[in-house]
Amino acid sequence: MNSLEQAEDLKAFERRLTEYIHCLQPATGRWRMLLIVVSVCTATGAWNWLIDPETQKVSFLTSLWNHPFFTLSCITLIGLFFAGIHKRVVAPSICAVSDYISRVQHVL
């Protein structure tokens, strides 16, 4: 196999890899949007929970029971992290992709 064929094979592989990575971008955007929405809901609920004067007077569990929006959004955020949303959000970042492509080129 001469060097021209090798170069063409490498270019074809790079195009296929780039095509695959671009297919991941819409899903990544949806995961990022979901993470942003749940984070904002949790922050808003936490603010309302903290400024409530009843929070200091009642037990921790009772205060969580009195603020179901914060409780549910916090549980959802924790569940998303246990489900691996952090991997889905940062997996196809541009730096990681370019590093991956350069490593594949080096190996090939």
PDB file of N, CA and C in Angstrom:
ATOM      1  N   MET A   1       0.848  -1.173   0.000  1.00  0.00           N
ATOM      2  CA  MET A   1       0.000   0.000   0.000  1.00  0.00           C
ATOM      3  C   MET A   1       0.897   1.240   0.000  1.00  0.00           C
ATOM      4  N   ASN A   2       0.719   2.081  -1.005  1.00  0.00           N
ATOM      5  CA  ASN A   2       1.593   3.245  -1.076  1.00  0.00           C
ATOM      6  C   ASN A   2       1.072   4.367  -0.186  1.00  0.00           C
ATOM      7  N   SER A   3       1.868   5.410  -0.086  1.00  0.00           N
ATOM      8  CA  SER A   3       1.542   6.497   0.842  1.00  0.00           C
ATOM      9  C   SER A   3       0.312   7.283   0.389  1.00  0.00           C
ATOM     10  N   LEU A   4       0.040   7.345  -0.909  1.00  0.00           N
ATOM     11  CA  LEU A   4      -1.144   8.050  -1.404  1.00  0.00           C
ATOM     12  C   LEU A   4      -2.420   7.332  -0.952  1.00  0.00           C
ATOM     13  N   GLU A   5      -2.441   6.008  -1.042  1.00  0.00           N
ATOM     14  CA  GLU A   5      -3.588   5.241  -0.569  1.00  0.00           C
ATOM     15  C   GLU A   5      -3.761   5.378   0.944  1.00  0.00           C
ATOM     16  N   GLN A   6      -2.667   5.387   1.676  1.00  0.00           N
ATOM     17  CA  GLN A   6      -2.737   5.551   3.117  1.00  0.00           C
ATOM     18  C   GLN A   6      -3.315   6.918   3.484  1.00  0.00           C
ATOM     19  N   ALA A   7      -2.897   7.940   2.766  1.00  0.00           N
ATOM     20  CA  ALA A   7      -3.398   9.290   3.032  1.00  0.00           C
ATOM     21  C   ALA A   7      -4.889   9.372   2.736  1.00  0.00           C
ATOM     22  N   GLU A   8      -5.311   8.738   1.639  1.00  0.00           N
ATOM     23  CA  GLU A   8      -6.738   8.743   1.299  1.00  0.00           C
ATOM     24  C   GLU A   8      -7.550   7.982   2.353  1.00  0.00           C
ATOM     25  N   ASP A   9      -7.022   6.859   2.826  1.00  0.00           N
ATOM     26  CA  ASP A   9      -7.710   6.106   3.874  1.00  0.00           C
ATOM     27  C   ASP A   9      -7.814   6.910   5.163  1.00  0.00           C
ATOM     28  N   LEU A  10      -6.751   7.612   5.509  1.00  0.00           N
ATOM     29  CA  LEU A  10      -6.760   8.432   6.715  1.00  0.00           C
ATOM     30  C   LEU A  10      -7.764   9.575   6.591  1.00  0.00           C
ATOM     31  N   LYS A  11      -7.818  10.197   5.420  1.00  0.00           N
ATOM     32  CA  LYS A  11      -8.787  11.280   5.207  1.00  0.00           C
ATOM     33  C   LYS A  11     -10.223  10.756   5.277  1.00  0.00           C
ATOM     34  N   ALA A  12     -10.464   9.581   4.715  1.00  0.00           N
ATOM     35  CA  ALA A  12     -11.799   8.990   4.780  1.00  0.00           C
ATOM     36  C   ALA A  12     -12.174   8.663   6.223  1.00  0.00           C
ATOM     37  N   PHE A  13     -11.205   8.153   6.971  1.00  0.00           N
ATOM     38  CA  PHE A  13     -11.464   7.851   8.372  1.00  0.00           C
ATOM     39  C   PHE A  13     -11.760   9.121   9.161  1.00  0.00           C
ATOM     40  N   GLU A  14     -11.011  10.196   8.903  1.00  0.00           N
ATOM     41  CA  GLU A  14     -11.245  11.475   9.584  1.00  0.00           C
ATOM     42  C   GLU A  14     -12.631  12.027   9.251  1.00  0.00           C
ATOM     43  N   ARG A  15     -13.035  11.930   7.983  1.00  0.00           N
ATOM     44  CA  ARG A  15     -14.368  12.406   7.591  1.00  0.00           C
ATOM     45  C   ARG A  15     -15.455  11.617   8.313  1.00  0.00           C
ATOM     46  N   ARG A  16     -15.289  10.312   8.402  1.00  0.00           N
ATOM     47  CA  ARG A  16     -16.285   9.478   9.083  1.00  0.00           C
ATOM     48  C   ARG A  16     -16.327   9.795  10.577  1.00  0.00           C
ATOM     49  N   LEU A  17     -15.177   9.984  11.179  1.00  0.00           N
ATOM     50  CA  LEU A  17     -15.107  10.330  12.595  1.00  0.00           C
ATOM     51  C   LEU A  17     -15.744  11.694  12.855  1.00  0.00           C
ATOM     52  N   THR A  18     -15.474  12.655  11.997  1.00  0.00           N
ATOM     53  CA  THR A  18     -16.079  13.984  12.127  1.00  0.00           C
ATOM     54  C   THR A  18     -17.587  13.912  11.944  1.00  0.00           C
ATOM     55  N   GLU A  19     -18.048  13.114  11.006  1.00  0.00           N
ATOM     56  CA  GLU A  19     -19.484  12.933  10.785  1.00  0.00           C
ATOM     57  C   GLU A  19     -20.149  12.332  12.019  1.00  0.00           C
ATOM     58  N   TYR A  20     -19.500  11.359  12.615  1.00  0.00           N
ATOM     59  CA  TYR A  20     -20.039  10.736  13.825  1.00  0.00           C
ATOM     60  C   TYR A  20     -20.122  11.739  14.970  1.00  0.00           C
ATOM     61  N   ILE A  21     -19.099  12.545  15.123  1.00  0.00           N
ATOM     62  CA  ILE A  21     -19.066  13.535  16.204  1.00  0.00           C
ATOM     63  C   ILE A  21     -20.142  14.595  15.990  1.00  0.00           C
ATOM     64  N   HIS A  22     -20.346  15.020  14.757  1.00  0.00           N
ATOM     65  CA  HIS A  22     -21.393  16.008  14.483  1.00  0.00           C
ATOM     66  C   HIS A  22     -22.787  15.448  14.752  1.00  0.00           C
ATOM     67  N   CYS A  23     -22.964  14.145  14.622  1.00  0.00           N
ATOM     68  CA  CYS A  23     -24.257  13.542  14.949  1.00  0.00           C
ATOM     69  C   CYS A  23     -24.532  13.585  16.448  1.00  0.00           C
ATOM     70  N   LEU A  24     -23.481  13.636  17.267  1.00  0.00           N
ATOM     71  CA  LEU A  24     -23.653  13.704  18.711  1.00  0.00           C
ATOM     72  C   LEU A  24     -24.056  15.091  19.192  1.00  0.00           C
ATOM     73  N   GLN A  25     -23.770  16.117  18.415  1.00  0.00           N
ATOM     74  CA  GLN A  25     -23.977  17.487  18.874  1.00  0.00           C
ATOM     75  C   GLN A  25     -25.427  17.808  19.250  1.00  0.00           C
ATOM     76  N   PRO A  26     -26.461  17.438  18.466  1.00  0.00           N
ATOM     77  CA  PRO A  26     -27.835  17.767  18.890  1.00  0.00           C
ATOM     78  C   PRO A  26     -28.220  17.117  20.218  1.00  0.00           C
ATOM     79  N   ALA A  27     -27.834  15.882  20.424  1.00  0.00           N
ATOM     80  CA  ALA A  27     -28.148  15.211  21.691  1.00  0.00           C
ATOM     81  C   ALA A  27     -27.431  15.893  22.850  1.00  0.00           C
ATOM     82  N   THR A  28     -26.202  16.302  22.622  1.00  0.00           N
ATOM     83  CA  THR A  28     -25.447  17.001  23.651  1.00  0.00           C
ATOM     84  C   THR A  28     -26.119  18.315  24.009  1.00  0.00           C
ATOM     85  N   GLY A  29     -26.625  19.024  23.012  1.00  0.00           N
ATOM     86  CA  GLY A  29     -27.320  20.287  23.262  1.00  0.00           C
ATOM     87  C   GLY A  29     -28.568  20.089  24.112  1.00  0.00           C
ATOM     88  N   ARG A  30     -29.308  19.027  23.840  1.00  0.00           N
ATOM     89  CA  ARG A  30     -30.506  18.745  24.645  1.00  0.00           C
ATOM     90  C   ARG A  30     -30.142  18.402  26.087  1.00  0.00           C
ATOM     91  N   TRP A  31     -29.076  17.623  26.276  1.00  0.00           N
ATOM     92  CA  TRP A  31     -28.653  17.287  27.631  1.00  0.00           C
ATOM     93  C   TRP A  31     -28.188  18.532  28.373  1.00  0.00           C
ATOM     94  N   ARG A  32     -27.466  19.411  27.673  1.00  0.00           N
ATOM     95  CA  ARG A  32     -27.010  20.657  28.305  1.00  0.00           C
ATOM     96  C   ARG A  32     -28.199  21.521  28.697  1.00  0.00           C
ATOM     97  N   MET A  33     -29.192  21.612  27.820  1.00  0.00           N
ATOM     98  CA  MET A  33     -30.372  22.416  28.132  1.00  0.00           C
ATOM     99  C   MET A  33     -31.113  21.840  29.340  1.00  0.00           C
ATOM    100  N   LEU A  34     -31.248  20.528  29.393  1.00  0.00           N
ATOM    101  CA  LEU A  34     -31.899  19.889  30.532  1.00  0.00           C
ATOM    102  C   LEU A  34     -31.135  20.173  31.822  1.00  0.00           C
ATOM    103  N   LEU A  35     -29.815  20.065  31.771  1.00  0.00           N
ATOM    104  CA  LEU A  35     -29.004  20.334  32.955  1.00  0.00           C
ATOM    105  C   LEU A  35     -29.136  21.788  33.400  1.00  0.00           C
ATOM    106  N   ILE A  36     -29.176  22.713  32.455  1.00  0.00           N
ATOM    107  CA  ILE A  36     -29.330  24.128  32.794  1.00  0.00           C
ATOM    108  C   ILE A  36     -30.692  24.380  33.440  1.00  0.00           C
ATOM    109  N   VAL A  37     -31.750  23.825  32.859  1.00  0.00           N
ATOM    110  CA  VAL A  37     -33.098  24.041  33.388  1.00  0.00           C
ATOM    111  C   VAL A  37     -33.217  23.485  34.810  1.00  0.00           C
ATOM    112  N   VAL A  38     -32.742  22.260  35.021  1.00  0.00           N
ATOM    113  CA  VAL A  38     -32.841  21.653  36.349  1.00  0.00           C
ATOM    114  C   VAL A  38     -31.960  22.405  37.349  1.00  0.00           C
ATOM    115  N   SER A  39     -30.808  22.876  36.922  1.00  0.00           N
ATOM    116  CA  SER A  39     -29.938  23.642  37.816  1.00  0.00           C
ATOM    117  C   SER A  39     -30.574  24.966  38.218  1.00  0.00           C
ATOM    118  N   VAL A  40     -31.194  25.648  37.267  1.00  0.00           N
ATOM    119  CA  VAL A  40     -31.874  26.911  37.578  1.00  0.00           C
ATOM    120  C   VAL A  40     -33.056  26.665  38.509  1.00  0.00           C
ATOM    121  N   CYS A  41     -33.806  25.608  38.260  1.00  0.00           N
ATOM    122  CA  CYS A  41     -34.922  25.274  39.153  1.00  0.00           C
ATOM    123  C   CYS A  41     -34.425  24.974  40.567  1.00  0.00           C
ATOM    124  N   THR A  42     -33.327  24.240  40.671  1.00  0.00           N
ATOM    125  CA  THR A  42     -32.773  23.930  41.984  1.00  0.00           C
ATOM    126  C   THR A  42     -32.294  25.191  42.683  1.00  0.00           C
ATOM    127  N   ALA A  43     -31.624  26.080  41.950  1.00  0.00           N
ATOM    128  CA  ALA A  43     -31.139  27.323  42.554  1.00  0.00           C
ATOM    129  C   ALA A  43     -32.297  28.213  42.996  1.00  0.00           C
ATOM    130  N   THR A  44     -33.335  28.295  42.178  1.00  0.00           N
ATOM    131  CA  THR A  44     -34.506  29.096  42.542  1.00  0.00           C
ATOM    132  C   THR A  44     -35.202  28.515  43.773  1.00  0.00           C
ATOM    133  N   GLY A  45     -35.370  27.215  43.784  1.00  0.00           N
ATOM    134  CA  GLY A  45     -35.977  26.557  44.939  1.00  0.00           C
ATOM    135  C   GLY A  45     -35.137  26.711  46.193  1.00  0.00           C
ATOM    136  N   ALA A  46     -33.820  26.649  46.044  1.00  0.00           N
ATOM    137  CA  ALA A  46     -32.932  26.822  47.194  1.00  0.00           C
ATOM    138  C   ALA A  46     -33.034  28.242  47.741  1.00  0.00           C
ATOM    139  N   TRP A  47     -33.122  29.216  46.855  1.00  0.00           N
ATOM    140  CA  TRP A  47     -33.263  30.603  47.300  1.00  0.00           C
ATOM    141  C   TRP A  47     -34.564  30.782  48.094  1.00  0.00           C
ATOM    142  N   ASN A  48     -35.642  30.265  47.560  1.00  0.00           N
ATOM    143  CA  ASN A  48     -36.928  30.368  48.269  1.00  0.00           C
ATOM    144  C   ASN A  48     -36.905  29.606  49.594  1.00  0.00           C
ATOM    145  N   TRP A  49     -36.222  28.487  49.609  1.00  0.00           N
ATOM    146  CA  TRP A  49     -36.104  27.687  50.826  1.00  0.00           C
ATOM    147  C   TRP A  49     -35.300  28.435  51.892  1.00  0.00           C
ATOM    148  N   LEU A  50     -34.215  29.093  51.452  1.00  0.00           N
ATOM    149  CA  LEU A  50     -33.348  29.789  52.404  1.00  0.00           C
ATOM    150  C   LEU A  50     -33.955  31.080  52.950  1.00  0.00           C
ATOM    151  N   ILE A  51     -34.739  31.779  52.142  1.00  0.00           N
ATOM    152  CA  ILE A  51     -35.292  33.047  52.630  1.00  0.00           C
ATOM    153  C   ILE A  51     -36.593  32.854  53.403  1.00  0.00           C
ATOM    154  N   ASP A  52     -37.107  31.643  53.445  1.00  0.00           N
ATOM    155  CA  ASP A  52     -38.332  31.380  54.197  1.00  0.00           C
ATOM    156  C   ASP A  52     -38.027  31.447  55.696  1.00  0.00           C
ATOM    157  N   PRO A  53     -38.718  32.301  56.452  1.00  0.00           N
ATOM    158  CA  PRO A  53     -38.435  32.395  57.893  1.00  0.00           C
ATOM    159  C   PRO A  53     -38.814  31.131  58.662  1.00  0.00           C
ATOM    160  N   GLU A  54     -39.704  30.335  58.119  1.00  0.00           N
ATOM    161  CA  GLU A  54     -40.104  29.088  58.787  1.00  0.00           C
ATOM    162  C   GLU A  54     -39.001  28.029  58.743  1.00  0.00           C
ATOM    163  N   THR A  55     -38.071  28.158  57.811  1.00  0.00           N
ATOM    164  CA  THR A  55     -37.009  27.161  57.655  1.00  0.00           C
ATOM    165  C   THR A  55     -36.177  27.046  58.925  1.00  0.00           C
ATOM    166  N   GLN A  56     -35.921  28.157  59.585  1.00  0.00           N
ATOM    167  CA  GLN A  56     -35.108  28.134  60.802  1.00  0.00           C
ATOM    168  C   GLN A  56     -35.871  27.577  62.000  1.00  0.00           C
ATOM    169  N   LYS A  57     -37.181  27.623  61.937  1.00  0.00           N
ATOM    170  CA  LYS A  57     -37.985  27.240  63.103  1.00  0.00           C
ATOM    171  C   LYS A  57     -38.382  25.771  63.117  1.00  0.00           C
ATOM    172  N   VAL A  58     -38.348  25.116  61.978  1.00  0.00           N
ATOM    173  CA  VAL A  58     -38.804  23.730  61.899  1.00  0.00           C
ATOM    174  C   VAL A  58     -37.615  22.816  61.616  1.00  0.00           C
ATOM    175  N   SER A  59     -37.834  21.526  61.705  1.00  0.00           N
ATOM    176  CA  SER A  59     -36.755  20.569  61.437  1.00  0.00           C
ATOM    177  C   SER A  59     -36.414  20.547  59.944  1.00  0.00           C
ATOM    178  N   PHE A  60     -35.275  19.955  59.659  1.00  0.00           N
ATOM    179  CA  PHE A  60     -34.794  19.886  58.280  1.00  0.00           C
ATOM    180  C   PHE A  60     -35.790  19.171  57.374  1.00  0.00           C
ATOM    181  N   LEU A  61     -36.267  18.013  57.781  1.00  0.00           N
ATOM    182  CA  LEU A  61     -37.195  17.240  56.952  1.00  0.00           C
ATOM    183  C   LEU A  61     -38.530  17.975  56.777  1.00  0.00           C
ATOM    184  N   THR A  62     -38.972  18.656  57.802  1.00  0.00           N
ATOM    185  CA  THR A  62     -40.214  19.423  57.692  1.00  0.00           C
ATOM    186  C   THR A  62     -40.041  20.589  56.729  1.00  0.00           C
ATOM    187  N   SER A  63     -38.878  21.234  56.788  1.00  0.00           N
ATOM    188  CA  SER A  63     -38.636  22.348  55.854  1.00  0.00           C
ATOM    189  C   SER A  63     -38.571  21.854  54.412  1.00  0.00           C
ATOM    190  N   LEU A  64     -37.992  20.664  54.197  1.00  0.00           N
ATOM    191  CA  LEU A  64     -37.997  20.089  52.845  1.00  0.00           C
ATOM    192  C   LEU A  64     -39.420  19.735  52.412  1.00  0.00           C
ATOM    193  N   TRP A  65     -40.210  19.237  53.345  1.00  0.00           N
ATOM    194  CA  TRP A  65     -41.605  18.907  53.039  1.00  0.00           C
ATOM    195  C   TRP A  65     -42.400  20.166  52.688  1.00  0.00           C
ATOM    196  N   ASN A  66     -42.061  21.291  53.311  1.00  0.00           N
ATOM    197  CA  ASN A  66     -42.746  22.558  53.050  1.00  0.00           C
ATOM    198  C   ASN A  66     -42.346  23.191  51.719  1.00  0.00           C
ATOM    199  N   HIS A  67     -41.250  22.724  51.131  1.00  0.00           N
ATOM    200  CA  HIS A  67     -40.757  23.271  49.856  1.00  0.00           C
ATOM    201  C   HIS A  67     -40.601  22.136  48.836  1.00  0.00           C
ATOM    202  N   PRO A  68     -41.704  21.640  48.304  1.00  0.00           N
ATOM    203  CA  PRO A  68     -41.621  20.487  47.384  1.00  0.00           C
ATOM    204  C   PRO A  68     -40.914  20.818  46.064  1.00  0.00           C
ATOM    205  N   PHE A  69     -40.991  22.068  45.597  1.00  0.00           N
ATOM    206  CA  PHE A  69     -40.312  22.434  44.346  1.00  0.00           C
ATOM    207  C   PHE A  69     -38.807  22.248  44.486  1.00  0.00           C
ATOM    208  N   PHE A  70     -38.253  22.754  45.569  1.00  0.00           N
ATOM    209  CA  PHE A  70     -36.821  22.592  45.815  1.00  0.00           C
ATOM    210  C   PHE A  70     -36.462  21.123  46.006  1.00  0.00           C
ATOM    211  N   THR A  71     -37.255  20.423  46.762  1.00  0.00           N
ATOM    212  CA  THR A  71     -36.963  19.020  47.047  1.00  0.00           C
ATOM    213  C   THR A  71     -36.958  18.186  45.768  1.00  0.00           C
ATOM    214  N   LEU A  72     -37.975  18.358  44.947  1.00  0.00           N
ATOM    215  CA  LEU A  72     -38.057  17.573  43.705  1.00  0.00           C
ATOM    216  C   LEU A  72     -36.962  17.963  42.710  1.00  0.00           C
ATOM    217  N   SER A  73     -36.682  19.254  42.593  1.00  0.00           N
ATOM    218  CA  SER A  73     -35.639  19.666  41.654  1.00  0.00           C
ATOM    219  C   SER A  73     -34.266  19.208  42.130  1.00  0.00           C
ATOM    220  N   CYS A  74     -34.034  19.207  43.415  1.00  0.00           N
ATOM    221  CA  CYS A  74     -32.765  18.730  43.957  1.00  0.00           C
ATOM    222  C   CYS A  74     -32.614  17.220  43.733  1.00  0.00           C
ATOM    223  N   ILE A  75     -33.670  16.481  43.981  1.00  0.00           N
ATOM    224  CA  ILE A  75     -33.642  15.034  43.742  1.00  0.00           C
ATOM    225  C   ILE A  75     -33.423  14.738  42.255  1.00  0.00           C
ATOM    226  N   THR A  76     -34.069  15.515  41.396  1.00  0.00           N
ATOM    227  CA  THR A  76     -33.886  15.338  39.956  1.00  0.00           C
ATOM    228  C   THR A  76     -32.449  15.616  39.545  1.00  0.00           C
ATOM    229  N   LEU A  77     -31.864  16.681  40.068  1.00  0.00           N
ATOM    230  CA  LEU A  77     -30.474  17.020  39.738  1.00  0.00           C
ATOM    231  C   LEU A  77     -29.520  15.931  40.208  1.00  0.00           C
ATOM    232  N   ILE A  78     -29.712  15.437  41.396  1.00  0.00           N
ATOM    233  CA  ILE A  78     -28.860  14.353  41.901  1.00  0.00           C
ATOM    234  C   ILE A  78     -29.043  13.094  41.053  1.00  0.00           C
ATOM    235  N   GLY A  79     -30.292  12.806  40.687  1.00  0.00           N
ATOM    236  CA  GLY A  79     -30.557  11.648  39.831  1.00  0.00           C
ATOM    237  C   GLY A  79     -29.907  11.763  38.466  1.00  0.00           C
ATOM    238  N   LEU A  80     -29.929  12.961  37.901  1.00  0.00           N
ATOM    239  CA  LEU A  80     -29.282  13.167  36.602  1.00  0.00           C
ATOM    240  C   LEU A  80     -27.779  12.933  36.689  1.00  0.00           C
ATOM    241  N   PHE A  81     -27.160  13.373  37.764  1.00  0.00           N
ATOM    242  CA  PHE A  81     -25.720  13.137  37.903  1.00  0.00           C
ATOM    243  C   PHE A  81     -25.415  11.662  38.125  1.00  0.00           C
ATOM    244  N   PHE A  82     -26.265  10.959  38.868  1.00  0.00           N
ATOM    245  CA  PHE A  82     -26.064   9.518  39.019  1.00  0.00           C
ATOM    246  C   PHE A  82     -26.298   8.785  37.696  1.00  0.00           C
ATOM    247  N   ALA A  83     -27.162   9.337  36.855  1.00  0.00           N
ATOM    248  CA  ALA A  83     -27.424   8.722  35.543  1.00  0.00           C
ATOM    249  C   ALA A  83     -26.317   9.026  34.538  1.00  0.00           C
ATOM    250  N   GLY A  84     -25.402   9.935  34.874  1.00  0.00           N
ATOM    251  CA  GLY A  84     -24.259  10.207  34.002  1.00  0.00           C
ATOM    252  C   GLY A  84     -24.440  11.383  33.071  1.00  0.00           C
ATOM    253  N   ILE A  85     -25.244  12.371  33.456  1.00  0.00           N
ATOM    254  CA  ILE A  85     -25.445  13.520  32.582  1.00  0.00           C
ATOM    255  C   ILE A  85     -24.147  14.293  32.383  1.00  0.00           C
ATOM    256  N   HIS A  86     -23.272  14.292  33.360  1.00  0.00           N
ATOM    257  CA  HIS A  86     -22.011  15.007  33.223  1.00  0.00           C
ATOM    258  C   HIS A  86     -21.155  14.421  32.094  1.00  0.00           C
ATOM    259  N   LYS A  87     -21.279  13.128  31.851  1.00  0.00           N
ATOM    260  CA  LYS A  87     -20.542  12.514  30.751  1.00  0.00           C
ATOM    261  C   LYS A  87     -21.172  12.864  29.404  1.00  0.00           C
ATOM    262  N   ARG A  88     -22.496  12.937  29.374  1.00  0.00           N
ATOM    263  CA  ARG A  88     -23.188  13.255  28.130  1.00  0.00           C
ATOM    264  C   ARG A  88     -23.019  14.714  27.729  1.00  0.00           C
ATOM    265  N   VAL A  89     -22.814  15.569  28.707  1.00  0.00           N
ATOM    266  CA  VAL A  89     -22.696  17.000  28.429  1.00  0.00           C
ATOM    267  C   VAL A  89     -21.302  17.351  27.923  1.00  0.00           C
ATOM    268  N   VAL A  90     -20.265  16.774  28.501  1.00  0.00           N
ATOM    269  CA  VAL A  90     -18.904  17.159  28.137  1.00  0.00           C
ATOM    270  C   VAL A  90     -18.215  16.170  27.204  1.00  0.00           C
ATOM    271  N   ALA A  91     -18.825  15.064  26.887  1.00  0.00           N
ATOM    272  CA  ALA A  91     -18.154  14.027  26.092  1.00  0.00           C
ATOM    273  C   ALA A  91     -17.686  14.519  24.731  1.00  0.00           C
ATOM    274  N   PRO A  92     -18.533  15.120  23.919  1.00  0.00           N
ATOM    275  CA  PRO A  92     -18.066  15.495  22.584  1.00  0.00           C
ATOM    276  C   PRO A  92     -17.544  16.923  22.503  1.00  0.00           C
ATOM    277  N   SER A  93     -16.823  17.385  23.498  1.00  0.00           N
ATOM    278  CA  SER A  93     -16.286  18.739  23.431  1.00  0.00           C
ATOM    279  C   SER A  93     -15.226  18.823  22.342  1.00  0.00           C
ATOM    280  N   ILE A  94     -15.027  20.004  21.824  1.00  0.00           N
ATOM    281  CA  ILE A  94     -14.138  20.202  20.678  1.00  0.00           C
ATOM    282  C   ILE A  94     -12.702  19.832  21.022  1.00  0.00           C
ATOM    283  N   CYS A  95     -12.235  20.191  22.199  1.00  0.00           N
ATOM    284  CA  CYS A  95     -10.856  19.874  22.582  1.00  0.00           C
ATOM    285  C   CYS A  95     -10.643  18.371  22.634  1.00  0.00           C
ATOM    286  N   ALA A  96     -11.586  17.666  23.212  1.00  0.00           N
ATOM    287  CA  ALA A  96     -11.455  16.216  23.311  1.00  0.00           C
ATOM    288  C   ALA A  96     -11.478  15.579  21.933  1.00  0.00           C
ATOM    289  N   VAL A  97     -12.304  16.108  21.046  1.00  0.00           N
ATOM    290  CA  VAL A  97     -12.403  15.561  19.695  1.00  0.00           C
ATOM    291  C   VAL A  97     -11.107  15.785  18.931  1.00  0.00           C
ATOM    292  N   SER A  98     -10.567  16.992  18.995  1.00  0.00           N
ATOM    293  CA  SER A  98      -9.333  17.257  18.257  1.00  0.00           C
ATOM    294  C   SER A  98      -8.177  16.441  18.824  1.00  0.00           C
ATOM    295  N   ASP A  99      -8.132  16.260  20.146  1.00  0.00           N
ATOM    296  CA  ASP A  99      -7.096  15.416  20.740  1.00  0.00           C
ATOM    297  C   ASP A  99      -7.254  13.973  20.283  1.00  0.00           C
ATOM    298  N   TYR A 100      -8.500  13.514  20.249  1.00  0.00           N
ATOM    299  CA  TYR A 100      -8.766  12.142  19.827  1.00  0.00           C
ATOM    300  C   TYR A 100      -8.351  11.934  18.379  1.00  0.00           C
ATOM    301  N   ILE A 101      -8.701  12.879  17.512  1.00  0.00           N
ATOM    302  CA  ILE A 101      -8.354  12.765  16.098  1.00  0.00           C
ATOM    303  C   ILE A 101      -6.839  12.774  15.926  1.00  0.00           C
ATOM    304  N   SER A 102      -6.148  13.650  16.649  1.00  0.00           N
ATOM    305  CA  SER A 102      -4.687  13.700  16.499  1.00  0.00           C
ATOM    306  C   SER A 102      -4.041  12.408  17.009  1.00  0.00           C
ATOM    307  N   ARG A 103      -4.588  11.806  18.075  1.00  0.00           N
ATOM    308  CA  ARG A 103      -4.054  10.535  18.557  1.00  0.00           C
ATOM    309  C   ARG A 103      -4.292   9.415  17.545  1.00  0.00           C
ATOM    310  N   VAL A 104      -5.481   9.422  16.927  1.00  0.00           N
ATOM    311  CA  VAL A 104      -5.779   8.401  15.923  1.00  0.00           C
ATOM    312  C   VAL A 104      -4.863   8.566  14.723  1.00  0.00           C
ATOM    313  N   GLN A 105      -4.612   9.814  14.311  1.00  0.00           N
ATOM    314  CA  GLN A 105      -3.702  10.048  13.195  1.00  0.00           C
ATOM    315  C   GLN A 105      -2.310   9.534  13.527  1.00  0.00           C
ATOM    316  N   HIS A 106      -1.864   9.759  14.741  1.00  0.00           N
ATOM    317  CA  HIS A 106      -0.538   9.332  15.159  1.00  0.00           C
ATOM    318  C   HIS A 106      -0.432   7.808  15.125  1.00  0.00           C
ATOM    319  N   VAL A 107      -1.493   7.139  15.588  1.00  0.00           N
ATOM    320  CA  VAL A 107      -1.480   5.680  15.603  1.00  0.00           C
ATOM    321  C   VAL A 107      -1.503   5.113  14.188  1.00  0.00           C
ATOM    322  N   LEU A 108      -2.321   5.725  13.339  1.00  0.00           N
ATOM    323  CA  LEU A 108      -2.411   5.242  11.956  1.00  0.00           C
ATOM    324  C   LEU A 108      -1.194   5.615  11.164  1.00  0.00           C
TER     325      LEU A 108
END
